[in-house]
Amino acid sequence: MASTLTATPTALHERDYLPGHSPILEPPEGPDSTLACTCGGLLVLKPDTQPAQKDVFDLHLKEVQRESRCD
């Protein structure tokens, strides 16, 4: 049985991400969801619109990439 995260794809779920990093929306189906990352980071502490969540998640991925280049 598919989870609600995979059963209801959103704009955030429809692209490829860095290994260990993918968005978690709760609830996944609404335009207003809290946003976290599978790495354990809570990115948006309160519900926000999905376009704003996408921007926050993109900034998170850029930070992860920048940190990985510094290692």
Protein backbone atom coordinates (compact mmCIF):
# COMPACT_ATOMS: atom_id res chain seq x y z
CA MET A 1 0.00 0.00 0.00
CA ALA A 2 1.39 3.41 -0.98
CA SER A 3 1.94 6.05 1.66
CA THR A 4 0.10 9.35 1.43
CA LEU A 5 3.39 11.02 0.47
CA THR A 6 3.72 8.88 -2.66
CA ALA A 7 0.01 8.55 -3.33
CA THR A 8 -0.43 12.32 -3.61
CA PRO A 9 2.50 13.78 -5.54
CA THR A 10 2.97 17.53 -5.37
CA ALA A 11 5.25 19.93 -7.19
CA LEU A 12 7.84 19.30 -4.48
CA HIS A 13 7.67 15.51 -4.95
CA GLU A 14 7.89 15.49 -8.76
CA ARG A 15 11.64 16.08 -9.13
CA ASP A 16 14.91 14.43 -8.23
CA TYR A 17 16.81 15.56 -5.14
CA LEU A 18 20.19 15.03 -3.58
CA PRO A 19 20.67 11.61 -1.92
CA GLY A 20 19.27 11.73 1.61
CA HIS A 21 17.26 14.86 0.93
CA SER A 22 13.65 14.92 -0.11
CA PRO A 23 10.70 16.97 1.10
CA ILE A 24 8.18 15.82 3.67
CA LEU A 25 4.89 17.69 3.65
CA GLU A 26 2.39 17.26 6.46
CA PRO A 27 -0.36 17.03 5.44
CA PRO A 28 0.90 16.17 1.94
CA GLU A 29 -2.26 16.99 0.03
CA GLY A 30 -3.05 20.53 1.14
CA PRO A 31 -1.76 23.81 -0.22
CA ASP A 32 -0.88 24.59 3.40
CA SER A 33 1.55 22.03 4.78
CA THR A 34 4.51 22.13 7.10
CA LEU A 35 7.78 21.33 5.36
CA ALA A 36 10.67 19.15 6.53
CA CYS A 37 13.50 17.26 4.89
CA THR A 38 14.31 13.56 5.19
CA CYS A 39 17.74 14.62 6.51
CA GLY A 40 15.93 15.61 9.72
CA GLY A 41 15.74 19.33 9.09
CA LEU A 42 12.47 21.12 9.79
CA LEU A 43 12.44 23.84 7.15
CA VAL A 44 9.12 25.61 7.68
CA LEU A 45 7.85 25.71 11.24
CA LYS A 46 4.33 26.75 10.29
CA PRO A 47 2.15 25.95 7.29
CA ASP A 48 2.95 27.93 4.15
CA THR A 49 1.99 27.83 0.49
CA GLN A 50 3.65 25.24 -1.72
CA PRO A 51 5.45 27.85 -3.92
CA ALA A 52 7.01 29.31 -0.77
CA GLN A 53 7.86 25.81 0.48
CA LYS A 54 9.57 25.01 -2.84
CA ASP A 55 11.72 28.13 -2.50
CA VAL A 56 12.69 27.19 1.08
CA PHE A 57 13.53 23.63 0.03
CA ASP A 58 15.63 24.88 -2.91
CA LEU A 59 17.60 27.11 -0.49
CA HIS A 60 18.10 24.09 1.79
CA LEU A 61 19.49 22.03 -1.11
CA LYS A 62 21.84 24.86 -2.14
CA GLU A 63 23.14 25.03 1.44
CA VAL A 64 23.68 21.26 1.48
CA GLN A 65 25.58 21.44 -1.81
CA ARG A 66 27.71 24.35 -0.56
CA GLU A 67 28.57 22.47 2.64
CA SER A 68 29.46 19.30 0.73
CA ARG A 69 31.96 21.23 -1.43
CA CYS A 70 33.67 22.55 1.70
CA ASP A 71 34.30 19.04 3.12
